[in-house]
Amino acid sequence: MLWQPVSFTPPASIGAVGDGLSGSLWAVGAAVASGAASLAGLGLSEGPPPAGGGTADLRGDASSMLASPCPYIAVTPYQQGVGQRRGDRAYLTPQGAISAVASRMSEAQDRQASGAQPDQPDPTDPTEADTAMVLVVIAAPDEAAFAASLARFNDVFPILELQQAQRRAEGLAGLERQKFTIPSAPGYPAWGASSPQRGGPGLATSRVLGGQLAMAEGLSAAGASPVARLGAFGAKRQAAMAARQANLDALRGSMTGSDPGWFGVYLEGLAVELAKLLVTFAPPMDAAFKCCAAVCWYGTQRQVAYYKEAFGLENPLEGVL
């Protein structure tokens, strides 16, 4: 089967970089904390090498995956020339979205072949052998379901065009309901907020007290022993490393989710060949789904590796073509 259900998955490559750094960072932090008891011998050791290579290698892996720009295109029903319009509303079937992406890829290749200046970032030289694409289709039967599906997608993987389509779909879905809604008004007289610092005397008092407290805090800090300072620094570094690891764990947890209207495909090859291949396969959902959007990333296999892993896709034609 060409199309695969999309399920957000924390990229394994990003997890490998984070796991590779955590060991050495904890070792350095522990060495600083233990060395605080003796200024003569801090005992700072190199610690275990990061898994999978040195820190420079891990930096290169992270930069090539996250910082390297990858050309992409997004199509939605509300773009000019895409979809079918009925007054304020617009509709786009899955087949129409896939055809729009394939047509745009073919146009970019034709423009490059003719030597014309591209109107968008170059979607990779067509002579490049190491190329691949990731295409994700988001389909729903009406505007309300379409807006909800886009909201779930944008919460994990925000894309400007899809955010714009989400707001448009939400507005269209709530158009008939909102005109009957009576907005609530605050009571009168209304409550406000006041602070002593809003007046001149209160602000001047705050400044004088703040200056005195700053001097007292400085004298207190100057009286601390070097051992106590270094110990506090080590504890602070340990807490910062723990917070960074917690953030990474939370990020992995947030990069999960799925929707019955999300389908994707990962293919390797030249854009002109992939564009022809896409339109020959049946769409993942039929024309009953009138509200559809699609996002396509195309570039080198390294550039699209993050998106392939994030969406949990594999190459369905591997070993076939």
C-alpha atoms as a PDB file:
ATOM      1  CA  MET A   1       0.000   0.000   0.000  1.00  0.00           C
ATOM      2  CA  LEU A   2       1.421   3.371  -1.020  1.00  0.00           C
ATOM      3  CA  TRP A   3      -0.292   5.523   1.619  1.00  0.00           C
ATOM      4  CA  GLN A   4       0.390   5.024   5.309  1.00  0.00           C
ATOM      5  CA  PRO A   5      -1.494   6.411   8.340  1.00  0.00           C
ATOM      6  CA  VAL A   6       0.450   9.277   9.875  1.00  0.00           C
ATOM      7  CA  SER A   7       1.251   9.056  13.570  1.00  0.00           C
ATOM      8  CA  PHE A   8       3.538  11.618  15.159  1.00  0.00           C
ATOM      9  CA  THR A   9       6.628   9.913  16.532  1.00  0.00           C
ATOM     10  CA  PRO A  10       9.609  11.530  18.304  1.00  0.00           C
ATOM     11  CA  PRO A  11      12.442  11.277  15.728  1.00  0.00           C
ATOM     12  CA  ALA A  12      14.911   8.579  16.734  1.00  0.00           C
ATOM     13  CA  SER A  13      17.869  10.616  15.475  1.00  0.00           C
ATOM     14  CA  ILE A  14      17.039  13.537  17.768  1.00  0.00           C
ATOM     15  CA  GLY A  15      16.681  11.157  20.711  1.00  0.00           C
ATOM     16  CA  ALA A  16      20.059   9.646  19.909  1.00  0.00           C
ATOM     17  CA  VAL A  17      21.733  13.064  19.998  1.00  0.00           C
ATOM     18  CA  GLY A  18      20.090  13.931  23.317  1.00  0.00           C
ATOM     19  CA  ASP A  19      20.946  10.581  24.867  1.00  0.00           C
ATOM     20  CA  GLY A  20      24.508  10.848  23.620  1.00  0.00           C
ATOM     21  CA  LEU A  21      24.993  14.200  25.323  1.00  0.00           C
ATOM     22  CA  SER A  22      23.289  13.401  28.610  1.00  0.00           C
ATOM     23  CA  GLY A  23      26.043  11.073  29.877  1.00  0.00           C
ATOM     24  CA  SER A  24      28.919  13.506  29.429  1.00  0.00           C
ATOM     25  CA  LEU A  25      26.914  16.465  30.743  1.00  0.00           C
ATOM     26  CA  TRP A  26      26.015  14.633  33.930  1.00  0.00           C
ATOM     27  CA  ALA A  27      29.632  13.519  34.390  1.00  0.00           C
ATOM     28  CA  VAL A  28      30.946  17.101  34.158  1.00  0.00           C
ATOM     29  CA  GLY A  29      28.254  18.375  36.523  1.00  0.00           C
ATOM     30  CA  ALA A  30      28.987  15.674  39.075  1.00  0.00           C
ATOM     31  CA  ALA A  31      32.701  16.460  38.908  1.00  0.00           C
ATOM     32  CA  VAL A  32      32.092  20.148  39.620  1.00  0.00           C
ATOM     33  CA  ALA A  33      29.788  19.328  42.536  1.00  0.00           C
ATOM     34  CA  SER A  34      32.203  16.818  44.110  1.00  0.00           C
ATOM     35  CA  GLY A  35      35.197  19.124  43.603  1.00  0.00           C
ATOM     36  CA  ALA A  36      33.551  21.928  45.557  1.00  0.00           C
ATOM     37  CA  ALA A  37      34.734  20.357  48.841  1.00  0.00           C
ATOM     38  CA  SER A  38      38.389  20.849  47.920  1.00  0.00           C
ATOM     39  CA  LEU A  39      39.678  23.874  46.033  1.00  0.00           C
ATOM     40  CA  ALA A  40      43.137  22.307  45.734  1.00  0.00           C
ATOM     41  CA  GLY A  41      41.872  19.386  43.627  1.00  0.00           C
ATOM     42  CA  LEU A  42      38.634  19.903  41.780  1.00  0.00           C
ATOM     43  CA  GLY A  43      38.807  16.455  40.261  1.00  0.00           C
ATOM     44  CA  LEU A  44      37.367  17.528  36.937  1.00  0.00           C
ATOM     45  CA  SER A  45      37.574  14.531  34.613  1.00  0.00           C
ATOM     46  CA  GLU A  46      36.846  14.234  30.952  1.00  0.00           C
ATOM     47  CA  GLY A  47      34.010  11.848  31.714  1.00  0.00           C
ATOM     48  CA  PRO A  48      32.707   9.152  29.417  1.00  0.00           C
ATOM     49  CA  PRO A  49      32.684  10.063  25.733  1.00  0.00           C
ATOM     50  CA  PRO A  50      29.250  10.819  24.275  1.00  0.00           C
ATOM     51  CA  ALA A  51      27.607   7.837  22.679  1.00  0.00           C
ATOM     52  CA  GLY A  52      27.968   7.646  18.945  1.00  0.00           C
ATOM     53  CA  GLY A  53      30.988   9.954  18.666  1.00  0.00           C
ATOM     54  CA  GLY A  54      32.296  13.248  20.033  1.00  0.00           C
ATOM     55  CA  THR A  55      30.318  16.362  20.826  1.00  0.00           C
ATOM     56  CA  ALA A  56      31.396  17.936  17.525  1.00  0.00           C
ATOM     57  CA  ASP A  57      29.949  14.988  15.624  1.00  0.00           C
ATOM     58  CA  LEU A  58      26.693  15.216  17.546  1.00  0.00           C
ATOM     59  CA  ARG A  59      26.540  18.958  16.844  1.00  0.00           C
ATOM     60  CA  GLY A  60      27.008  18.253  13.148  1.00  0.00           C
ATOM     61  CA  ASP A  61      24.273  15.606  13.167  1.00  0.00           C
ATOM     62  CA  ALA A  62      21.815  17.889  14.949  1.00  0.00           C
ATOM     63  CA  SER A  63      22.609  20.860  12.700  1.00  0.00           C
ATOM     64  CA  SER A  64      22.305  18.888   9.483  1.00  0.00           C
ATOM     65  CA  MET A  65      18.930  17.503  10.539  1.00  0.00           C
ATOM     66  CA  LEU A  66      17.345  20.534  12.214  1.00  0.00           C
ATOM     67  CA  ALA A  67      19.070  23.602  10.777  1.00  0.00           C
ATOM     68  CA  SER A  68      19.356  22.531   7.145  1.00  0.00           C
ATOM     69  CA  PRO A  69      16.455  24.116   5.207  1.00  0.00           C
ATOM     70  CA  CYS A  70      14.300  21.773   3.147  1.00  0.00           C
ATOM     71  CA  PRO A  71      12.042  23.042   0.327  1.00  0.00           C
ATOM     72  CA  TYR A  72       8.365  22.375   0.982  1.00  0.00           C
ATOM     73  CA  ILE A  73       4.983  23.251  -0.496  1.00  0.00           C
ATOM     74  CA  ALA A  74       1.575  23.327   1.203  1.00  0.00           C
ATOM     75  CA  VAL A  75      -1.778  23.330  -0.593  1.00  0.00           C
ATOM     76  CA  THR A  76      -5.129  24.139   1.021  1.00  0.00           C
ATOM     77  CA  PRO A  77      -8.650  24.698  -0.347  1.00  0.00           C
ATOM     78  CA  TYR A  78      -8.449  28.433   0.348  1.00  0.00           C
ATOM     79  CA  GLN A  79      -5.460  29.222  -1.863  1.00  0.00           C
ATOM     80  CA  GLN A  80      -6.103  30.990  -5.134  1.00  0.00           C
ATOM     81  CA  GLY A  81      -6.253  28.527  -8.015  1.00  0.00           C
ATOM     82  CA  VAL A  82      -6.501  25.503  -5.724  1.00  0.00           C
ATOM     83  CA  GLY A  83      -9.785  23.755  -4.984  1.00  0.00           C
ATOM     84  CA  GLN A  84     -13.342  24.660  -5.951  1.00  0.00           C
ATOM     85  CA  ARG A  85     -15.079  27.741  -4.580  1.00  0.00           C
ATOM     86  CA  ARG A  86     -18.724  28.089  -3.579  1.00  0.00           C
ATOM     87  CA  GLY A  87     -19.220  31.635  -2.345  1.00  0.00           C
ATOM     88  CA  ASP A  88     -17.147  32.101   0.808  1.00  0.00           C
ATOM     89  CA  ARG A  89     -16.480  28.389   1.048  1.00  0.00           C
ATOM     90  CA  ALA A  90     -13.859  26.329  -0.756  1.00  0.00           C
ATOM     91  CA  TYR A  91     -13.441  22.588  -1.205  1.00  0.00           C
ATOM     92  CA  LEU A  92     -10.545  20.325  -2.160  1.00  0.00           C
ATOM     93  CA  THR A  93     -10.622  16.530  -2.437  1.00  0.00           C
ATOM     94  CA  PRO A  94      -7.625  14.299  -1.576  1.00  0.00           C
ATOM     95  CA  GLN A  95      -7.063  13.575  -5.251  1.00  0.00           C
ATOM     96  CA  GLY A  96      -7.151  17.303  -6.013  1.00  0.00           C
ATOM     97  CA  ALA A  97      -4.595  18.049  -3.293  1.00  0.00           C
ATOM     98  CA  ILE A  98      -2.223  15.320  -4.506  1.00  0.00           C
ATOM     99  CA  SER A  99      -2.592  16.480  -8.115  1.00  0.00           C
ATOM    100  CA  ALA A 100      -1.850  20.068  -7.081  1.00  0.00           C
ATOM    101  CA  VAL A 101       1.371  18.997  -5.361  1.00  0.00           C
ATOM    102  CA  ALA A 102       2.413  16.830  -8.324  1.00  0.00           C
ATOM    103  CA  SER A 103       1.670  19.660 -10.756  1.00  0.00           C
ATOM    104  CA  ARG A 104       3.733  22.109  -8.713  1.00  0.00           C
ATOM    105  CA  MET A 105       6.667  19.707  -8.586  1.00  0.00           C
ATOM    106  CA  SER A 106       6.495  19.223 -12.366  1.00  0.00           C
ATOM    107  CA  GLU A 107       6.394  22.984 -12.918  1.00  0.00           C
ATOM    108  CA  ALA A 108       9.512  23.459 -10.788  1.00  0.00           C
ATOM    109  CA  GLN A 109      11.348  20.783 -12.782  1.00  0.00           C
ATOM    110  CA  ASP A 110      10.261  22.279 -16.109  1.00  0.00           C
ATOM    111  CA  ARG A 111      11.400  25.709 -14.976  1.00  0.00           C
ATOM    112  CA  GLN A 112      14.801  24.357 -14.001  1.00  0.00           C
ATOM    113  CA  ALA A 113      15.131  22.419 -17.236  1.00  0.00           C
ATOM    114  CA  SER A 114      14.440  25.587 -19.249  1.00  0.00           C
ATOM    115  CA  GLY A 115      16.961  27.596 -17.255  1.00  0.00           C
ATOM    116  CA  ALA A 116      14.349  30.015 -15.902  1.00  0.00           C
ATOM    117  CA  GLN A 117      14.795  31.652 -12.522  1.00  0.00           C
ATOM    118  CA  PRO A 118      12.733  29.780  -9.878  1.00  0.00           C
ATOM    119  CA  ASP A 119      10.034  31.772  -8.079  1.00  0.00           C
ATOM    120  CA  GLN A 120      10.547  29.775  -4.877  1.00  0.00           C
ATOM    121  CA  PRO A 121      13.561  28.154  -3.150  1.00  0.00           C
ATOM    122  CA  ASP A 122      15.117  25.608  -5.468  1.00  0.00           C
ATOM    123  CA  PRO A 123      13.548  22.201  -4.646  1.00  0.00           C
ATOM    124  CA  THR A 124      16.826  20.381  -5.198  1.00  0.00           C
ATOM    125  CA  ASP A 125      18.684  19.932  -8.454  1.00  0.00           C
ATOM    126  CA  PRO A 126      16.814  17.384 -10.631  1.00  0.00           C
ATOM    127  CA  THR A 127      20.125  15.712 -11.427  1.00  0.00           C
ATOM    128  CA  GLU A 128      20.714  14.950  -7.751  1.00  0.00           C
ATOM    129  CA  ALA A 129      20.559  11.190  -7.192  1.00  0.00           C
ATOM    130  CA  ASP A 130      20.142  11.251  -3.403  1.00  0.00           C
ATOM    131  CA  THR A 131      16.654  12.805  -3.286  1.00  0.00           C
ATOM    132  CA  ALA A 132      13.436  11.949  -1.478  1.00  0.00           C
ATOM    133  CA  MET A 133      10.050  13.385  -0.596  1.00  0.00           C
ATOM    134  CA  VAL A 134       7.545  13.247   2.250  1.00  0.00           C
ATOM    135  CA  LEU A 135       3.902  14.003   1.449  1.00  0.00           C
ATOM    136  CA  VAL A 136       1.258  14.306   4.180  1.00  0.00           C
ATOM    137  CA  VAL A 137      -2.457  14.574   3.383  1.00  0.00           C
ATOM    138  CA  ILE A 138      -4.978  15.918   5.921  1.00  0.00           C
ATOM    139  CA  ALA A 139      -8.576  15.167   4.916  1.00  0.00           C
ATOM    140  CA  ALA A 140     -11.982  15.790   6.531  1.00  0.00           C
ATOM    141  CA  PRO A 141     -15.630  15.750   5.369  1.00  0.00           C
ATOM    142  CA  ASP A 142     -16.521  19.327   6.445  1.00  0.00           C
ATOM    143  CA  GLU A 143     -15.038  22.557   7.778  1.00  0.00           C
ATOM    144  CA  ALA A 144     -15.581  21.745  11.458  1.00  0.00           C
ATOM    145  CA  ALA A 145     -13.770  18.400  11.267  1.00  0.00           C
ATOM    146  CA  PHE A 146     -11.136  19.965   9.002  1.00  0.00           C
ATOM    147  CA  ALA A 147     -10.423  22.742  11.528  1.00  0.00           C
ATOM    148  CA  ALA A 148     -10.198  20.227  14.393  1.00  0.00           C
ATOM    149  CA  SER A 149      -7.830  17.989  12.427  1.00  0.00           C
ATOM    150  CA  LEU A 150      -5.619  20.939  11.447  1.00  0.00           C
ATOM    151  CA  ALA A 151      -5.562  22.112  15.065  1.00  0.00           C
ATOM    152  CA  ARG A 152      -4.270  18.722  16.243  1.00  0.00           C
ATOM    153  CA  PHE A 153      -1.659  18.730  13.494  1.00  0.00           C
ATOM    154  CA  ASN A 154      -0.516  22.305  14.159  1.00  0.00           C
ATOM    155  CA  ASP A 155      -0.236  21.684  17.906  1.00  0.00           C
ATOM    156  CA  VAL A 156       2.632  19.270  17.222  1.00  0.00           C
ATOM    157  CA  PHE A 157       3.883  20.401  13.826  1.00  0.00           C
ATOM    158  CA  PRO A 158       2.838  24.028  13.135  1.00  0.00           C
ATOM    159  CA  ILE A 159       2.988  25.160   9.513  1.00  0.00           C
ATOM    160  CA  LEU A 160       2.030  28.706   8.534  1.00  0.00           C
ATOM    161  CA  GLU A 161      -0.218  27.748   5.611  1.00  0.00           C
ATOM    162  CA  LEU A 162      -2.017  25.119   7.674  1.00  0.00           C
ATOM    163  CA  GLN A 163      -2.484  27.571  10.546  1.00  0.00           C
ATOM    164  CA  GLN A 164      -4.079  30.029   8.129  1.00  0.00           C
ATOM    165  CA  ALA A 165      -6.328  27.288   6.755  1.00  0.00           C
ATOM    166  CA  GLN A 166      -7.265  26.273  10.314  1.00  0.00           C
ATOM    167  CA  ARG A 167      -8.422  29.806  11.167  1.00  0.00           C
ATOM    168  CA  ARG A 168     -10.370  30.051   7.903  1.00  0.00           C
ATOM    169  CA  ALA A 169     -12.053  26.680   8.457  1.00  0.00           C
ATOM    170  CA  GLU A 170     -12.913  27.585  12.055  1.00  0.00           C
ATOM    171  CA  GLY A 171     -14.472  30.832  10.892  1.00  0.00           C
ATOM    172  CA  LEU A 172     -16.562  29.127   8.216  1.00  0.00           C
ATOM    173  CA  ALA A 173     -17.647  26.337  10.571  1.00  0.00           C
ATOM    174  CA  GLY A 174     -18.792  28.790  13.256  1.00  0.00           C
ATOM    175  CA  LEU A 175     -20.330  31.354  10.911  1.00  0.00           C
ATOM    176  CA  GLU A 176     -23.929  30.194  11.333  1.00  0.00           C
ATOM    177  CA  ARG A 177     -23.583  29.572  15.065  1.00  0.00           C
ATOM    178  CA  GLN A 178     -21.755  32.732  16.085  1.00  0.00           C
ATOM    179  CA  LYS A 179     -24.340  35.148  14.731  1.00  0.00           C
ATOM    180  CA  PHE A 180     -26.825  33.885  17.329  1.00  0.00           C
ATOM    181  CA  THR A 181     -24.356  34.200  20.223  1.00  0.00           C
ATOM    182  CA  ILE A 182     -24.825  37.158  22.577  1.00  0.00           C
ATOM    183  CA  PRO A 183     -21.420  38.120  23.996  1.00  0.00           C
ATOM    184  CA  SER A 184     -21.179  38.531  27.750  1.00  0.00           C
ATOM    185  CA  ALA A 185     -20.520  42.063  29.035  1.00  0.00           C
ATOM    186  CA  PRO A 186     -18.625  43.005  32.241  1.00  0.00           C
ATOM    187  CA  GLY A 187     -20.532  44.369  35.213  1.00  0.00           C
ATOM    188  CA  TYR A 188     -20.652  48.085  35.828  1.00  0.00           C
ATOM    189  CA  PRO A 189     -18.898  49.736  37.560  1.00  0.00           C
ATOM    190  CA  ALA A 190     -16.035  47.488  36.480  1.00  0.00           C
ATOM    191  CA  TRP A 191     -13.215  46.287  38.736  1.00  0.00           C
ATOM    192  CA  GLY A 192      -9.717  47.545  38.049  1.00  0.00           C
ATOM    193  CA  ALA A 193      -6.181  46.864  39.298  1.00  0.00           C
ATOM    194  CA  SER A 194      -4.128  49.193  41.476  1.00  0.00           C
ATOM    195  CA  SER A 195      -0.554  49.131  42.807  1.00  0.00           C
ATOM    196  CA  PRO A 196       1.392  51.416  45.185  1.00  0.00           C
ATOM    197  CA  GLN A 197       4.045  51.822  42.493  1.00  0.00           C
ATOM    198  CA  ARG A 198       1.585  53.487  40.113  1.00  0.00           C
ATOM    199  CA  GLY A 199       1.906  56.733  42.082  1.00  0.00           C
ATOM    200  CA  GLY A 200       4.979  58.938  42.502  1.00  0.00           C
ATOM    201  CA  PRO A 201       5.565  58.462  46.264  1.00  0.00           C
ATOM    202  CA  GLY A 202       5.066  54.698  46.075  1.00  0.00           C
ATOM    203  CA  LEU A 203       7.448  54.383  43.105  1.00  0.00           C
ATOM    204  CA  ALA A 204      10.118  56.477  44.884  1.00  0.00           C
ATOM    205  CA  THR A 205       9.772  54.331  48.020  1.00  0.00           C
ATOM    206  CA  SER A 206      10.166  51.172  45.955  1.00  0.00           C
ATOM    207  CA  ARG A 207      13.370  52.497  44.387  1.00  0.00           C
ATOM    208  CA  VAL A 208      14.923  53.463  47.746  1.00  0.00           C
ATOM    209  CA  LEU A 209      14.053  50.127  49.328  1.00  0.00           C
ATOM    210  CA  GLY A 210      15.280  48.266  46.260  1.00  0.00           C
ATOM    211  CA  GLY A 211      18.664  50.012  46.439  1.00  0.00           C
ATOM    212  CA  GLN A 212      19.093  49.188  50.118  1.00  0.00           C
ATOM    213  CA  LEU A 213      18.137  45.561  49.565  1.00  0.00           C
ATOM    214  CA  ALA A 214      20.609  45.312  46.666  1.00  0.00           C
ATOM    215  CA  MET A 215      23.447  46.569  48.908  1.00  0.00           C
ATOM    216  CA  ALA A 216      22.502  44.094  51.634  1.00  0.00           C
ATOM    217  CA  GLU A 217      22.360  41.225  49.163  1.00  0.00           C
ATOM    218  CA  GLY A 218      25.777  42.197  47.779  1.00  0.00           C
ATOM    219  CA  LEU A 219      27.348  42.246  51.248  1.00  0.00           C
ATOM    220  CA  SER A 220      25.779  38.887  52.046  1.00  0.00           C
ATOM    221  CA  ALA A 221      27.105  37.372  48.807  1.00  0.00           C
ATOM    222  CA  ALA A 222      30.604  38.803  49.427  1.00  0.00           C
ATOM    223  CA  GLY A 223      30.753  37.126  52.809  1.00  0.00           C
ATOM    224  CA  ALA A 224      30.153  33.649  51.369  1.00  0.00           C
ATOM    225  CA  SER A 225      33.169  31.338  51.308  1.00  0.00           C
ATOM    226  CA  PRO A 226      34.667  30.238  47.954  1.00  0.00           C
ATOM    227  CA  VAL A 227      33.764  26.650  48.784  1.00  0.00           C
ATOM    228  CA  ALA A 228      30.103  27.572  49.276  1.00  0.00           C
ATOM    229  CA  ARG A 229      30.085  29.565  46.023  1.00  0.00           C
ATOM    230  CA  LEU A 230      31.543  26.704  44.013  1.00  0.00           C
ATOM    231  CA  GLY A 231      29.158  24.252  45.621  1.00  0.00           C
ATOM    232  CA  ALA A 232      26.220  26.479  44.733  1.00  0.00           C
ATOM    233  CA  PHE A 233      27.517  26.778  41.185  1.00  0.00           C
ATOM    234  CA  GLY A 234      27.772  22.984  40.852  1.00  0.00           C
ATOM    235  CA  ALA A 235      24.253  22.520  42.214  1.00  0.00           C
ATOM    236  CA  LYS A 236      22.970  25.159  39.813  1.00  0.00           C
ATOM    237  CA  ARG A 237      24.616  23.418  36.845  1.00  0.00           C
ATOM    238  CA  GLN A 238      23.145  20.081  37.907  1.00  0.00           C
ATOM    239  CA  ALA A 239      19.677  21.616  38.172  1.00  0.00           C
ATOM    240  CA  ALA A 240      20.055  23.238  34.748  1.00  0.00           C
ATOM    241  CA  MET A 241      21.081  19.927  33.167  1.00  0.00           C
ATOM    242  CA  ALA A 242      18.149  18.163  34.828  1.00  0.00           C
ATOM    243  CA  ALA A 243      15.801  20.847  33.503  1.00  0.00           C
ATOM    244  CA  ARG A 244      17.168  20.479  29.959  1.00  0.00           C
ATOM    245  CA  GLN A 245      16.718  16.706  30.099  1.00  0.00           C
ATOM    246  CA  ALA A 246      13.181  17.158  31.427  1.00  0.00           C
ATOM    247  CA  ASN A 247      12.447  19.544  28.556  1.00  0.00           C
ATOM    248  CA  LEU A 248      13.712  16.987  26.051  1.00  0.00           C
ATOM    249  CA  ASP A 249      11.585  14.253  27.635  1.00  0.00           C
ATOM    250  CA  ALA A 250       8.534  16.534  27.599  1.00  0.00           C
ATOM    251  CA  LEU A 251       9.202  17.403  23.963  1.00  0.00           C
ATOM    252  CA  ARG A 252       9.327  13.733  23.049  1.00  0.00           C
ATOM    253  CA  GLY A 253       6.025  13.219  24.825  1.00  0.00           C
ATOM    254  CA  SER A 254       4.387  16.158  23.042  1.00  0.00           C
ATOM    255  CA  MET A 255       5.472  14.919  19.611  1.00  0.00           C
ATOM    256  CA  THR A 256       2.845  12.214  19.561  1.00  0.00           C
ATOM    257  CA  GLY A 257      -0.627  12.103  18.083  1.00  0.00           C
ATOM    258  CA  SER A 258      -2.662  10.755  15.202  1.00  0.00           C
ATOM    259  CA  ASP A 259      -5.894  11.381  13.348  1.00  0.00           C
ATOM    260  CA  PRO A 260      -7.979   9.122  11.094  1.00  0.00           C
ATOM    261  CA  GLY A 261      -7.732  11.763   8.367  1.00  0.00           C
ATOM    262  CA  TRP A 262      -3.924  11.892   8.244  1.00  0.00           C
ATOM    263  CA  PHE A 263      -2.104   9.887   5.591  1.00  0.00           C
ATOM    264  CA  GLY A 264       1.423  10.168   4.294  1.00  0.00           C
ATOM    265  CA  VAL A 265       3.956   8.679   1.939  1.00  0.00           C
ATOM    266  CA  TYR A 266       7.747   8.651   1.745  1.00  0.00           C
ATOM    267  CA  LEU A 267       9.360   8.114  -1.644  1.00  0.00           C
ATOM    268  CA  GLU A 268      12.891   8.363  -2.985  1.00  0.00           C
ATOM    269  CA  GLY A 269      13.740   9.598  -6.445  1.00  0.00           C
ATOM    270  CA  LEU A 270      13.703  12.603  -8.755  1.00  0.00           C
ATOM    271  CA  ALA A 271      10.852  15.078  -8.531  1.00  0.00           C
ATOM    272  CA  VAL A 272       9.781  14.618 -12.150  1.00  0.00           C
ATOM    273  CA  GLU A 273       9.464  10.855 -11.623  1.00  0.00           C
ATOM    274  CA  LEU A 274       7.723  11.141  -8.257  1.00  0.00           C
ATOM    275  CA  ALA A 275       5.211  13.652  -9.624  1.00  0.00           C
ATOM    276  CA  LYS A 276       4.155  11.178 -12.290  1.00  0.00           C
ATOM    277  CA  LEU A 277       4.052   8.337  -9.780  1.00  0.00           C
ATOM    278  CA  LEU A 278       1.818  10.151  -7.299  1.00  0.00           C
ATOM    279  CA  VAL A 279      -1.075  10.700  -9.683  1.00  0.00           C
ATOM    280  CA  THR A 280      -1.106   7.040 -10.762  1.00  0.00           C
ATOM    281  CA  PHE A 281      -1.953   5.734  -7.283  1.00  0.00           C
ATOM    282  CA  ALA A 282      -5.427   5.951  -5.773  1.00  0.00           C
ATOM    283  CA  PRO A 283      -5.775   8.670  -3.119  1.00  0.00           C
ATOM    284  CA  PRO A 284      -5.876   7.586   0.528  1.00  0.00           C
ATOM    285  CA  MET A 285      -9.507   8.759   0.890  1.00  0.00           C
ATOM    286  CA  ASP A 286     -12.337   9.232  -1.606  1.00  0.00           C
ATOM    287  CA  ALA A 287     -14.059  12.375  -2.853  1.00  0.00           C
ATOM    288  CA  ALA A 288     -16.532  12.342   0.048  1.00  0.00           C
ATOM    289  CA  PHE A 289     -13.837  14.184   1.996  1.00  0.00           C
ATOM    290  CA  LYS A 290     -14.326  17.666   0.599  1.00  0.00           C
ATOM    291  CA  CYS A 291     -11.892  19.551   2.836  1.00  0.00           C
ATOM    292  CA  CYS A 292      -8.299  18.524   2.344  1.00  0.00           C
ATOM    293  CA  ALA A 293      -4.794  19.947   2.659  1.00  0.00           C
ATOM    294  CA  ALA A 294      -1.412  18.533   1.733  1.00  0.00           C
ATOM    295  CA  VAL A 295       2.189  19.336   2.636  1.00  0.00           C
ATOM    296  CA  CYS A 296       5.175  18.047   0.674  1.00  0.00           C
ATOM    297  CA  TRP A 297       8.856  18.229   1.596  1.00  0.00           C
ATOM    298  CA  TYR A 298      11.344  17.470  -1.173  1.00  0.00           C
ATOM    299  CA  GLY A 299      15.124  17.512  -0.971  1.00  0.00           C
ATOM    300  CA  THR A 300      18.036  15.267  -0.167  1.00  0.00           C
ATOM    301  CA  GLN A 301      17.337  12.172   1.889  1.00  0.00           C
ATOM    302  CA  ARG A 302      19.189  13.772   4.804  1.00  0.00           C
ATOM    303  CA  GLN A 303      17.006  16.895   4.605  1.00  0.00           C
ATOM    304  CA  VAL A 304      13.726  14.982   4.713  1.00  0.00           C
ATOM    305  CA  ALA A 305      14.900  12.387   7.266  1.00  0.00           C
ATOM    306  CA  TYR A 306      13.484  14.405  10.169  1.00  0.00           C
ATOM    307  CA  TYR A 307      10.011  14.569   8.583  1.00  0.00           C
ATOM    308  CA  LYS A 308      10.091  10.901   7.645  1.00  0.00           C
ATOM    309  CA  GLU A 309      10.857   9.921  11.243  1.00  0.00           C
ATOM    310  CA  ALA A 310       8.475  12.476  12.787  1.00  0.00           C
ATOM    311  CA  PHE A 311       5.533  11.118  10.789  1.00  0.00           C
ATOM    312  CA  GLY A 312       6.494   7.447  11.226  1.00  0.00           C
ATOM    313  CA  LEU A 313       6.789   6.736   7.480  1.00  0.00           C
ATOM    314  CA  GLU A 314       8.710   4.101   5.552  1.00  0.00           C
ATOM    315  CA  ASN A 315       9.427   3.726   1.849  1.00  0.00           C
ATOM    316  CA  PRO A 316       6.658   1.405   0.552  1.00  0.00           C
ATOM    317  CA  LEU A 317       8.441   0.887  -2.780  1.00  0.00           C
ATOM    318  CA  GLU A 318      11.803  -0.114  -1.307  1.00  0.00           C
ATOM    319  CA  GLY A 319      12.953  -3.223  -3.119  1.00  0.00           C
ATOM    320  CA  VAL A 320      10.087  -2.945  -5.619  1.00  0.00           C
ATOM    321  CA  LEU A 321      11.379  -0.293  -8.051  1.00  0.00           C
END
